[in-house]
C-alpha atoms as a PDB file:
ATOM      1  CA  MET A   1      -0.087  -0.165  -0.121  1.00  0.00           C
ATOM      2  CA  THR A   2       2.446   2.112   0.575  1.00  0.00           C
ATOM      3  CA  GLN A   3       4.760   1.723  -2.525  1.00  0.00           C
ATOM      4  CA  GLN A   4       2.396   2.133  -4.530  1.00  0.00           C
ATOM      5  CA  GLY A   5       1.346   5.418  -2.814  1.00  0.00           C
ATOM      6  CA  CYS A   6       5.018   6.441  -3.944  1.00  0.00           C
ATOM      7  CA  TRP A   7       4.447   5.806  -7.093  1.00  0.00           C
ATOM      8  CA  PRO A   8       2.334   8.684  -7.785  1.00  0.00           C
ATOM      9  CA  ARG A   9       4.363  10.844  -6.119  1.00  0.00           C
ATOM     10  CA  ARG A  10       8.053   9.799  -7.405  1.00  0.00           C
ATOM     11  CA  LEU A  11       6.105  10.590 -11.377  1.00  0.00           C
ATOM     12  CA  GLY A  12       5.548  14.273 -10.344  1.00  0.00           C
ATOM     13  CA  ARG A  13       8.711  14.963  -9.318  1.00  0.00           C
ATOM     14  CA  VAL A  14      10.479  13.580 -12.157  1.00  0.00           C
ATOM     15  CA  LEU A  15       7.378  15.428 -14.454  1.00  0.00           C
ATOM     16  CA  LEU A  16       7.894  18.711 -12.906  1.00  0.00           C
ATOM     17  CA  VAL A  17      12.170  18.346 -13.840  1.00  0.00           C
ATOM     18  CA  ALA A  18      11.347  17.431 -17.591  1.00  0.00           C
ATOM     19  CA  LEU A  19       9.045  20.263 -17.320  1.00  0.00           C
ATOM     20  CA  CYS A  20      11.482  22.768 -16.050  1.00  0.00           C
ATOM     21  CA  LEU A  21      14.408  21.447 -17.738  1.00  0.00           C
ATOM     22  CA  GLY A  22      12.262  20.981 -21.036  1.00  0.00           C
ATOM     23  CA  THR A  23      11.325  24.699 -21.158  1.00  0.00           C
ATOM     24  CA  GLY A  24      15.182  25.551 -21.186  1.00  0.00           C
ATOM     25  CA  PRO A  25      17.164  27.986 -19.200  1.00  0.00           C
ATOM     26  CA  GLY A  26      16.002  31.204 -17.932  1.00  0.00           C
ATOM     27  CA  CYS A  27      12.580  29.782 -17.073  1.00  0.00           C
ATOM     28  CA  LEU A  28      11.929  30.445 -13.812  1.00  0.00           C
ATOM     29  CA  SER A  29      12.885  34.204 -13.968  1.00  0.00           C
ATOM     30  CA  PHE A  30       9.406  35.669 -13.971  1.00  0.00           C
ATOM     31  CA  VAL A  31       9.475  34.922 -10.201  1.00  0.00           C
ATOM     32  CA  HIS A  32      11.914  38.162  -9.453  1.00  0.00           C
ATOM     33  CA  SER A  33      10.945  39.938 -12.705  1.00  0.00           C
ATOM     34  CA  LEU A  34      12.805  43.533 -13.099  1.00  0.00           C
ATOM     35  CA  ASP A  35      11.265  46.727 -14.234  1.00  0.00           C
ATOM     36  CA  ALA A  36      13.060  50.027 -16.065  1.00  0.00           C
ATOM     37  CA  PRO A  37      15.191  51.562 -13.871  1.00  0.00           C
ATOM     38  CA  PRO A  38      13.540  54.481 -12.339  1.00  0.00           C
ATOM     39  CA  ARG A  39      14.946  58.145 -13.027  1.00  0.00           C
ATOM     40  CA  GLU A  40      16.487  58.603  -9.378  1.00  0.00           C
ATOM     41  CA  GLN A  41      18.463  55.593 -10.233  1.00  0.00           C
ATOM     42  CA  LEU A  42      19.737  56.877 -14.291  1.00  0.00           C
ATOM     43  CA  ARG A  43      20.740  60.417 -12.402  1.00  0.00           C
ATOM     44  CA  PRO A  44      24.511  59.057 -11.139  1.00  0.00           C
ATOM     45  CA  SER A  45      25.183  57.251 -14.510  1.00  0.00           C
ATOM     46  CA  GLU A  46      24.052  59.904 -16.444  1.00  0.00           C
ATOM     47  CA  MET A  47      26.141  62.309 -14.594  1.00  0.00           C
ATOM     48  CA  ILE A  48      29.100  60.806 -16.484  1.00  0.00           C
ATOM     49  CA  PRO A  49      30.289  60.713 -19.894  1.00  0.00           C
ATOM     50  CA  ALA A  50      29.204  57.705 -22.067  1.00  0.00           C
ATOM     51  CA  CYS A  51      33.018  57.774 -23.395  1.00  0.00           C
ATOM     52  CA  SER A  52      33.589  57.083 -19.217  1.00  0.00           C
ATOM     53  CA  ARG A  53      31.420  54.557 -18.907  1.00  0.00           C
ATOM     54  CA  ASN A  54      32.144  52.336 -21.658  1.00  0.00           C
ATOM     55  CA  HIS A  55      35.536  51.880 -20.048  1.00  0.00           C
ATOM     56  CA  VAL A  56      33.508  49.690 -17.066  1.00  0.00           C
ATOM     57  CA  HIS A  57      33.863  46.346 -17.725  1.00  0.00           C
ATOM     58  CA  ILE A  58      31.178  44.349 -15.248  1.00  0.00           C
ATOM     59  CA  PHE A  59      31.403  40.429 -15.127  1.00  0.00           C
ATOM     60  CA  LEU A  60      28.530  39.014 -13.554  1.00  0.00           C
ATOM     61  CA  LEU A  61      28.757  34.683 -12.815  1.00  0.00           C
ATOM     62  CA  HIS A  62      26.125  32.969 -12.010  1.00  0.00           C
ATOM     63  CA  GLY A  63      25.848  29.970  -9.322  1.00  0.00           C
ATOM     64  CA  MET A  64      24.128  26.499  -9.506  1.00  0.00           C
ATOM     65  CA  ASP A  65      20.867  28.136 -11.041  1.00  0.00           C
ATOM     66  CA  PRO A  66      20.128  26.916 -14.072  1.00  0.00           C
ATOM     67  CA  LEU A  67      16.472  27.554 -14.490  1.00  0.00           C
ATOM     68  CA  ASP A  68      17.939  31.217 -13.265  1.00  0.00           C
ATOM     69  CA  LEU A  69      15.394  31.588 -10.477  1.00  0.00           C
ATOM     70  CA  ALA A  70      17.494  34.447  -9.365  1.00  0.00           C
ATOM     71  CA  ASN A  71      17.010  36.329 -12.731  1.00  0.00           C
ATOM     72  CA  LEU A  72      20.708  37.169 -12.737  1.00  0.00           C
ATOM     73  CA  SER A  73      20.389  37.993 -16.839  1.00  0.00           C
ATOM     74  CA  GLY A  74      17.777  40.157 -15.848  1.00  0.00           C
ATOM     75  CA  LEU A  75      19.909  42.497 -13.530  1.00  0.00           C
ATOM     76  CA  THR A  76      22.509  42.001 -16.553  1.00  0.00           C
ATOM     77  CA  GLU A  77      20.110  43.667 -18.671  1.00  0.00           C
ATOM     78  CA  TYR A  78      18.831  46.643 -15.815  1.00  0.00           C
ATOM     79  CA  ILE A  79      22.520  47.212 -15.511  1.00  0.00           C
ATOM     80  CA  GLN A  80      22.783  48.011 -19.437  1.00  0.00           C
ATOM     81  CA  ALA A  81      19.845  49.608 -19.070  1.00  0.00           C
ATOM     82  CA  LEU A  82      22.029  52.264 -16.863  1.00  0.00           C
ATOM     83  CA  GLY A  83      24.294  52.768 -19.342  1.00  0.00           C
ATOM     84  CA  TYR A  84      27.462  50.288 -18.794  1.00  0.00           C
ATOM     85  CA  ILE A  85      27.108  48.595 -22.461  1.00  0.00           C
ATOM     86  CA  LYS A  86      29.959  46.607 -21.537  1.00  0.00           C
ATOM     87  CA  THR A  87      28.338  44.147 -19.211  1.00  0.00           C
ATOM     88  CA  HIS A  88      29.188  40.461 -19.192  1.00  0.00           C
ATOM     89  CA  TYR A  89      26.853  37.391 -18.462  1.00  0.00           C
ATOM     90  CA  GLY A  90      28.230  34.180 -18.156  1.00  0.00           C
ATOM     91  CA  GLN A  91      27.328  30.560 -16.146  1.00  0.00           C
ATOM     92  CA  LEU A  92      29.977  28.479 -14.163  1.00  0.00           C
ATOM     93  CA  TYR A  93      31.731  27.187 -17.363  1.00  0.00           C
ATOM     94  CA  HIS A  94      33.020  30.907 -18.579  1.00  0.00           C
ATOM     95  CA  LEU A  95      35.413  31.526 -16.047  1.00  0.00           C
ATOM     96  CA  TRP A  96      38.676  30.149 -18.034  1.00  0.00           C
ATOM     97  CA  GLU A  97      36.818  32.738 -21.035  1.00  0.00           C
ATOM     98  CA  PHE A  98      36.214  35.093 -18.799  1.00  0.00           C
ATOM     99  CA  LYS A  99      39.534  35.457 -17.135  1.00  0.00           C
ATOM    100  CA  SER A 100      41.021  35.218 -20.868  1.00  0.00           C
ATOM    101  CA  GLU A 101      38.410  38.413 -21.564  1.00  0.00           C
ATOM    102  CA  LEU A 102      40.058  40.495 -18.520  1.00  0.00           C
ATOM    103  CA  ARG A 103      43.688  39.751 -19.635  1.00  0.00           C
ATOM    104  CA  ARG A 104      43.339  41.022 -23.339  1.00  0.00           C
ATOM    105  CA  ILE A 105      40.895  44.407 -22.087  1.00  0.00           C
ATOM    106  CA  HIS A 106      43.818  45.113 -19.671  1.00  0.00           C
ATOM    107  CA  LEU A 107      46.006  45.182 -21.847  1.00  0.00           C
ATOM    108  CA  ALA A 108      44.179  46.734 -24.968  1.00  0.00           C
ATOM    109  CA  ASP A 109      42.673  49.587 -22.464  1.00  0.00           C
ATOM    110  CA  PRO A 110      45.257  51.190 -20.235  1.00  0.00           C
ATOM    111  CA  ASP A 111      41.840  52.947 -18.811  1.00  0.00           C
ATOM    112  CA  ALA A 112      39.550  49.826 -18.380  1.00  0.00           C
ATOM    113  CA  ARG A 113      37.927  49.764 -15.138  1.00  0.00           C
ATOM    114  CA  PHE A 114      36.484  45.971 -13.568  1.00  0.00           C
ATOM    115  CA  VAL A 115      33.499  44.662 -12.006  1.00  0.00           C
ATOM    116  CA  LEU A 116      33.263  41.177 -10.725  1.00  0.00           C
ATOM    117  CA  ILE A 117      29.398  40.381  -9.779  1.00  0.00           C
ATOM    118  CA  GLY A 118      28.649  36.609  -8.297  1.00  0.00           C
ATOM    119  CA  PHE A 119      25.526  35.068  -7.327  1.00  0.00           C
ATOM    120  CA  SER A 120      25.721  31.994  -4.569  1.00  0.00           C
ATOM    121  CA  PHE A 121      28.529  29.291  -5.648  1.00  0.00           C
ATOM    122  CA  GLY A 122      29.206  32.689  -8.793  1.00  0.00           C
ATOM    123  CA  ALA A 123      30.609  34.552  -5.707  1.00  0.00           C
ATOM    124  CA  ASN A 124      32.847  32.052  -5.712  1.00  0.00           C
ATOM    125  CA  LEU A 125      34.142  31.780  -9.120  1.00  0.00           C
ATOM    126  CA  ALA A 126      33.755  35.768  -8.451  1.00  0.00           C
ATOM    127  CA  ARG A 127      36.722  35.743  -6.376  1.00  0.00           C
ATOM    128  CA  GLU A 128      38.714  33.375  -7.935  1.00  0.00           C
ATOM    129  CA  LEU A 129      38.218  35.259 -11.071  1.00  0.00           C
ATOM    130  CA  ALA A 130      39.800  38.184  -9.265  1.00  0.00           C
ATOM    131  CA  ASN A 131      42.431  36.138  -7.694  1.00  0.00           C
ATOM    132  CA  ALA A 132      43.142  34.486 -10.996  1.00  0.00           C
ATOM    133  CA  VAL A 133      44.838  38.021 -12.416  1.00  0.00           C
ATOM    134  CA  LYS A 134      46.261  39.721  -9.373  1.00  0.00           C
ATOM    135  CA  ASP A 135      49.280  38.678 -10.604  1.00  0.00           C
ATOM    136  CA  ASP A 136      48.862  40.379 -13.887  1.00  0.00           C
ATOM    137  CA  GLY A 137      48.979  43.570 -12.051  1.00  0.00           C
ATOM    138  CA  ILE A 138      44.744  44.179 -12.665  1.00  0.00           C
ATOM    139  CA  ALA A 139      43.776  45.532 -10.058  1.00  0.00           C
ATOM    140  CA  ILE A 140      39.662  45.415  -9.377  1.00  0.00           C
ATOM    141  CA  ASP A 141      37.941  48.515  -8.541  1.00  0.00           C
ATOM    142  CA  LEU A 142      34.652  46.800  -6.760  1.00  0.00           C
ATOM    143  CA  LEU A 143      33.522  43.025  -5.772  1.00  0.00           C
ATOM    144  CA  VAL A 144      30.041  42.206  -4.886  1.00  0.00           C
ATOM    145  CA  TYR A 145      29.237  38.767  -3.811  1.00  0.00           C
ATOM    146  CA  LEU A 146      25.818  38.436  -3.702  1.00  0.00           C
ATOM    147  CA  GLY A 147      24.383  35.183  -1.910  1.00  0.00           C
ATOM    148  CA  GLY A 148      28.176  33.905  -0.936  1.00  0.00           C
ATOM    149  CA  ASN A 149      27.038  31.609   1.772  1.00  0.00           C
ATOM    150  CA  THR A 150      30.011  29.329   1.228  1.00  0.00           C
ATOM    151  CA  LEU A 151      32.086  32.069   1.920  1.00  0.00           C
ATOM    152  CA  GLU A 152      34.253  32.732   5.035  1.00  0.00           C
ATOM    153  CA  ASN A 153      35.680  35.298   6.630  1.00  0.00           C
ATOM    154  CA  THR A 154      39.585  34.704   5.158  1.00  0.00           C
ATOM    155  CA  PRO A 155      42.253  37.420   3.608  1.00  0.00           C
ATOM    156  CA  PRO A 156      41.454  34.881   0.290  1.00  0.00           C
ATOM    157  CA  ASN A 157      38.159  35.898  -0.143  1.00  0.00           C
ATOM    158  CA  GLN A 158      39.058  39.473   0.279  1.00  0.00           C
ATOM    159  CA  PRO A 159      41.458  40.133  -1.625  1.00  0.00           C
ATOM    160  CA  GLU A 160      44.442  43.013  -1.250  1.00  0.00           C
ATOM    161  CA  HIS A 161      43.794  44.573  -4.738  1.00  0.00           C
ATOM    162  CA  VAL A 162      40.572  44.719  -5.044  1.00  0.00           C
ATOM    163  CA  GLN A 163      39.497  48.529  -4.022  1.00  0.00           C
ATOM    164  CA  HIS A 164      36.166  48.064  -2.663  1.00  0.00           C
ATOM    165  CA  ILE A 165      33.998  44.672  -1.571  1.00  0.00           C
ATOM    166  CA  VAL A 166      30.008  44.089  -1.028  1.00  0.00           C
ATOM    167  CA  ASN A 167      28.819  41.545   0.885  1.00  0.00           C
ATOM    168  CA  ILE A 168      25.428  41.025   0.538  1.00  0.00           C
ATOM    169  CA  LEU A 169      23.599  38.122   1.924  1.00  0.00           C
ATOM    170  CA  ALA A 170      19.654  36.598   2.697  1.00  0.00           C
ATOM    171  CA  ALA A 171      18.051  34.268   4.893  1.00  0.00           C
ATOM    172  CA  GLY A 172      19.444  30.660   3.403  1.00  0.00           C
ATOM    173  CA  CYS A 173      18.937  27.154   3.889  1.00  0.00           C
ATOM    174  CA  ILE A 174      22.131  25.872   5.190  1.00  0.00           C
ATOM    175  CA  TRP A 175      25.065  28.395   5.236  1.00  0.00           C
ATOM    176  CA  ASN A 176      24.303  31.754   6.204  1.00  0.00           C
ATOM    177  CA  GLY A 177      27.422  33.325   5.291  1.00  0.00           C
ATOM    178  CA  ALA A 178      30.102  35.136   7.316  1.00  0.00           C
ATOM    179  CA  THR A 179      30.704  39.314   8.253  1.00  0.00           C
ATOM    180  CA  MET A 180      33.347  40.101   6.235  1.00  0.00           C
ATOM    181  CA  ASP A 181      36.260  42.741   7.747  1.00  0.00           C
ATOM    182  CA  ARG A 182      37.041  44.376   4.309  1.00  0.00           C
ATOM    183  CA  ALA A 183      33.633  44.578   2.837  1.00  0.00           C
ATOM    184  CA  ASP A 184      30.528  46.321   3.211  1.00  0.00           C
ATOM    185  CA  ASN A 185      27.872  43.505   4.956  1.00  0.00           C
ATOM    186  CA  ILE A 186      24.425  44.138   3.918  1.00  0.00           C
ATOM    187  CA  HIS A 187      21.798  41.281   5.170  1.00  0.00           C
ATOM    188  CA  TYR A 188      18.109  41.539   4.018  1.00  0.00           C
ATOM    189  CA  THR A 189      16.131  39.774   6.237  1.00  0.00           C
ATOM    190  CA  ASN A 190      12.741  39.919   4.182  1.00  0.00           C
ATOM    191  CA  VAL A 191      14.025  37.641   1.243  1.00  0.00           C
ATOM    192  CA  TRP A 192      15.564  34.407   0.516  1.00  0.00           C
ATOM    193  CA  HIS A 193      18.242  33.784  -0.590  1.00  0.00           C
ATOM    194  CA  PHE A 194      17.572  33.637  -4.819  1.00  0.00           C
ATOM    195  CA  GLY A 195      15.861  37.393  -3.920  1.00  0.00           C
ATOM    196  CA  SER A 196      19.185  39.056  -3.001  1.00  0.00           C
ATOM    197  CA  PRO A 197      20.178  39.803  -6.562  1.00  0.00           C
ATOM    198  CA  THR A 198      16.986  41.702  -7.871  1.00  0.00           C
ATOM    199  CA  HIS A 199      16.415  43.351  -4.178  1.00  0.00           C
ATOM    200  CA  PRO A 200      15.466  47.106  -4.426  1.00  0.00           C
ATOM    201  CA  GLN A 201      18.638  47.792  -2.286  1.00  0.00           C
ATOM    202  CA  THR A 202      21.071  46.105  -4.170  1.00  0.00           C
ATOM    203  CA  ARG A 203      19.838  47.777  -7.249  1.00  0.00           C
ATOM    204  CA  GLU A 204      20.091  50.792  -6.108  1.00  0.00           C
ATOM    205  CA  LEU A 205      23.249  50.128  -4.305  1.00  0.00           C
ATOM    206  CA  LEU A 206      24.799  48.913  -8.209  1.00  0.00           C
ATOM    207  CA  SER A 207      23.344  52.234  -9.515  1.00  0.00           C
ATOM    208  CA  ARG A 208      25.798  54.347  -7.143  1.00  0.00           C
ATOM    209  CA  GLU A 209      28.862  52.201  -6.824  1.00  0.00           C
ATOM    210  CA  LEU A 210      29.253  51.660 -10.596  1.00  0.00           C
ATOM    211  CA  ALA A 211      29.074  55.803 -11.098  1.00  0.00           C
ATOM    212  CA  VAL A 212      31.522  55.942  -8.592  1.00  0.00           C
ATOM    213  CA  VAL A 213      34.120  53.653 -10.692  1.00  0.00           C
ATOM    214  CA  ALA A 214      33.414  55.185 -13.843  1.00  0.00           C
ATOM    215  CA  GLY A 215      33.976  58.438 -12.241  1.00  0.00           C
ATOM    216  CA  ARG A 216      37.197  57.675 -11.893  1.00  0.00           C
ATOM    217  CA  VAL A 217      37.595  56.743 -15.405  1.00  0.00           C
ATOM    218  CA  PRO A 218      40.475  60.160 -16.455  1.00  0.00           C
ATOM    219  CA  TYR A 219      38.168  62.292 -18.529  1.00  0.00           C
ATOM    220  CA  VAL A 220      39.727  64.041 -21.582  1.00  0.00           C
ATOM    221  CA  GLU A 221      37.946  66.609 -23.865  1.00  0.00           C
ATOM    222  CA  LYS A 222      38.826  66.121 -27.335  1.00  0.00           C
ATOM    223  CA  PRO A 223      39.359  69.351 -29.596  1.00  0.00           C
ATOM    224  CA  PRO A 224      36.973  70.720 -31.648  1.00  0.00           C
ATOM    225  CA  PRO A 225      37.846  69.372 -35.415  1.00  0.00           C
ATOM    226  CA  PRO A 226      39.601  72.036 -37.152  1.00  0.00           C
ATOM    227  CA  GLY A 227      37.368  73.934 -39.036  1.00  0.00           C
ATOM    228  CA  LEU A 228      37.397  73.878 -43.322  1.00  0.00           C
ATOM    229  CA  GLU A 229      39.274  75.558 -45.047  1.00  0.00           C
ATOM    230  CA  GLU A 230      37.287  78.672 -46.591  1.00  0.00           C
ATOM    231  CA  ALA A 231      36.582  78.691 -50.143  1.00  0.00           C
ATOM    232  CA  PRO A 232      37.729  81.331 -52.593  1.00  0.00           C
ATOM    233  CA  ARG A 233      35.526  83.649 -53.467  1.00  0.00           C
ATOM    234  CA  PRO A 234      34.370  85.054 -56.591  1.00  0.00           C
ATOM    235  CA  ARG A 235      35.837  87.997 -58.419  1.00  0.00           C
ATOM    236  CA  PRO A 236      33.359  90.175 -58.295  1.00  0.00           C
ATOM    237  CA  TYR A 237      31.073  91.420 -61.003  1.00  0.00           C
ATOM    238  CA  ARG A 238      32.269  94.315 -63.057  1.00  0.00           C
ATOM    239  CA  THR A 239      29.571  96.441 -64.434  1.00  0.00           C
ATOM    240  CA  ASN A 240      30.663  98.616 -66.100  1.00  0.00           C
ATOM    241  CA  LYS A 241      31.131  97.009 -69.790  1.00  0.00           C
ATOM    242  CA  MET A 242      33.603  97.142 -72.306  1.00  0.00           C
ATOM    243  CA  PRO A 243      31.024  97.487 -75.684  1.00  0.00           C
ATOM    244  CA  PRO A 244      31.658  94.667 -77.941  1.00  0.00           C
ATOM    245  CA  PRO A 245      34.174  95.756 -80.236  1.00  0.00           C
ATOM    246  CA  ALA A 246      33.051  96.829 -83.728  1.00  0.00           C
ATOM    247  CA  ILE A 247      32.372  94.250 -87.219  1.00  0.00           C
ATOM    248  CA  PRO A 248      33.781  95.658 -89.984  1.00  0.00           C
ATOM    249  CA  PRO A 249      30.823  95.801 -92.772  1.00  0.00           C
ATOM    250  CA  GLU A 250      32.017  93.080 -94.705  1.00  0.00           C
ATOM    251  CA  TRP A 251      31.530  90.523 -91.757  1.00  0.00           C
ATOM    252  CA  ASP A 252      28.330  91.956 -91.139  1.00  0.00           C
ATOM    253  CA  PHE A 253      26.006  88.749 -91.280  1.00  0.00           C
ATOM    254  CA  LEU A 254      28.143  87.191 -88.618  1.00  0.00           C
ATOM    255  CA  ARG A 255      26.279  89.785 -86.273  1.00  0.00           C
ATOM    256  CA  ALA A 256      23.309  88.548 -84.300  1.00  0.00           C
ATOM    257  CA  ARG A 257      19.699  90.229 -84.480  1.00  0.00           C
ATOM    258  CA  SER A 258      16.273  90.412 -83.758  1.00  0.00           C
ATOM    259  CA  VAL A 259      13.949  89.485 -85.777  1.00  0.00           C
ATOM    260  CA  TYR A 260      12.437  92.922 -85.229  1.00  0.00           C
ATOM    261  CA  GLU A 261      16.126  94.231 -86.944  1.00  0.00           C
ATOM    262  CA  GLU A 262      15.475  92.334 -89.798  1.00  0.00           C
ATOM    263  CA  PRO A 263      14.328  94.700 -93.247  1.00  0.00           C
ATOM    264  CA  PRO A 264      11.778  93.853 -94.918  1.00  0.00           C
ATOM    265  CA  GLN A 265      10.779  91.203 -97.767  1.00  0.00           C
ATOM    266  CA  PRO A 266      10.661  91.775-101.289  1.00  0.00           C
ATOM    267  CA  GLU A 267       7.628  93.119-102.749  1.00  0.00           C
ATOM    268  CA  LEU A 268       6.782  90.003-104.463  1.00  0.00           C
ATOM    269  CA  ALA A 269       7.650  87.544-101.595  1.00  0.00           C
ATOM    270  CA  GLN A 270       4.857  88.847 -99.551  1.00  0.00           C
ATOM    271  CA  ALA A 271       1.856  87.497 -99.801  1.00  0.00           C
ATOM    272  CA  PRO A 272      -1.430  89.201-101.647  1.00  0.00           C
ATOM    273  CA  ARG A 273      -3.429  90.887 -98.822  1.00  0.00           C
ATOM    274  CA  THR A 274      -6.237  90.654-101.071  1.00  0.00           C
ATOM    275  CA  SER A 275      -6.976  88.929-104.157  1.00  0.00           C
ATOM    276  CA  SER A 276      -8.923  89.660-107.310  1.00  0.00           C
ATOM    277  CA  VAL A 277      -9.183  86.400-108.391  1.00  0.00           C
ATOM    278  CA  LYS A 278     -12.910  85.027-107.735  1.00  0.00           C
ATOM    279  CA  ARG A 279     -12.656  81.740-106.349  1.00  0.00           C
ATOM    280  CA  VAL A 280     -14.478  78.693-107.478  1.00  0.00           C
ATOM    281  CA  PRO A 281     -15.027  75.393-105.925  1.00  0.00           C
ATOM    282  CA  PHE A 282     -13.860  72.158-106.872  1.00  0.00           C
ATOM    283  CA  ALA A 283     -17.149  70.357-107.187  1.00  0.00           C
ATOM    284  CA  LEU A 284     -18.460  73.644-109.614  1.00  0.00           C
ATOM    285  CA  ARG A 285     -15.497  73.129-112.251  1.00  0.00           C
ATOM    286  CA  PRO A 286     -16.170  71.492-115.744  1.00  0.00           C
END
């Protein structure tokens, strides 16, 4: 009797998992949906020139959340809507690609600024990414831990070459995280673990801190383009024209004349004005 009752529950679980996997990644992102950034969160980034914001490179690393219940992809679009177009989003397996991309950007752009954001187990990968580029002389301007419940208050979790660390924790199931000495520690009590990335305070903090990072980019005002060379002005128009040269009489036929200057036609060539000849219709002729 007990074994028969277990089969419906097991079948229901299998169908639920199959349904979630069949709908593709990110099918649960609607649980923590995001709206467009409000005006007060757009204002800090609007005060920074676009050329400075384009030097800020942001890398977001997701945790073991294949259905994107935390909606970290939505947070990526939210950051892009703030004006930071060079925002990269990746899963766990993108860690090695992010390492190469970060080193490439550092060599190509000396003014580049880097921000690392990791959620759940992605916070551990963000820490590893920061430590991996330390020997390359790459400084990290901002490191944000979102729900890094397994991180401890140890030096590897607080790299020295990171200028600012933010540690955001929410209510967890097993681990509740730790308070770090070199980080700004924020604890949400009104949301669960998967609600920390889209929390209103998280969005407000990112809007403010990203503007601080972009403000460190040196702004060099480009000189205006050189003016176009002025074209030579036309020569002045002379009103006192000289009379045309006289034409010899033998070349008089070359002189242009108007119709009114033509001599009258000979008498024989002119059509008669009145005719004394009586015209007879053709049909009456014999």
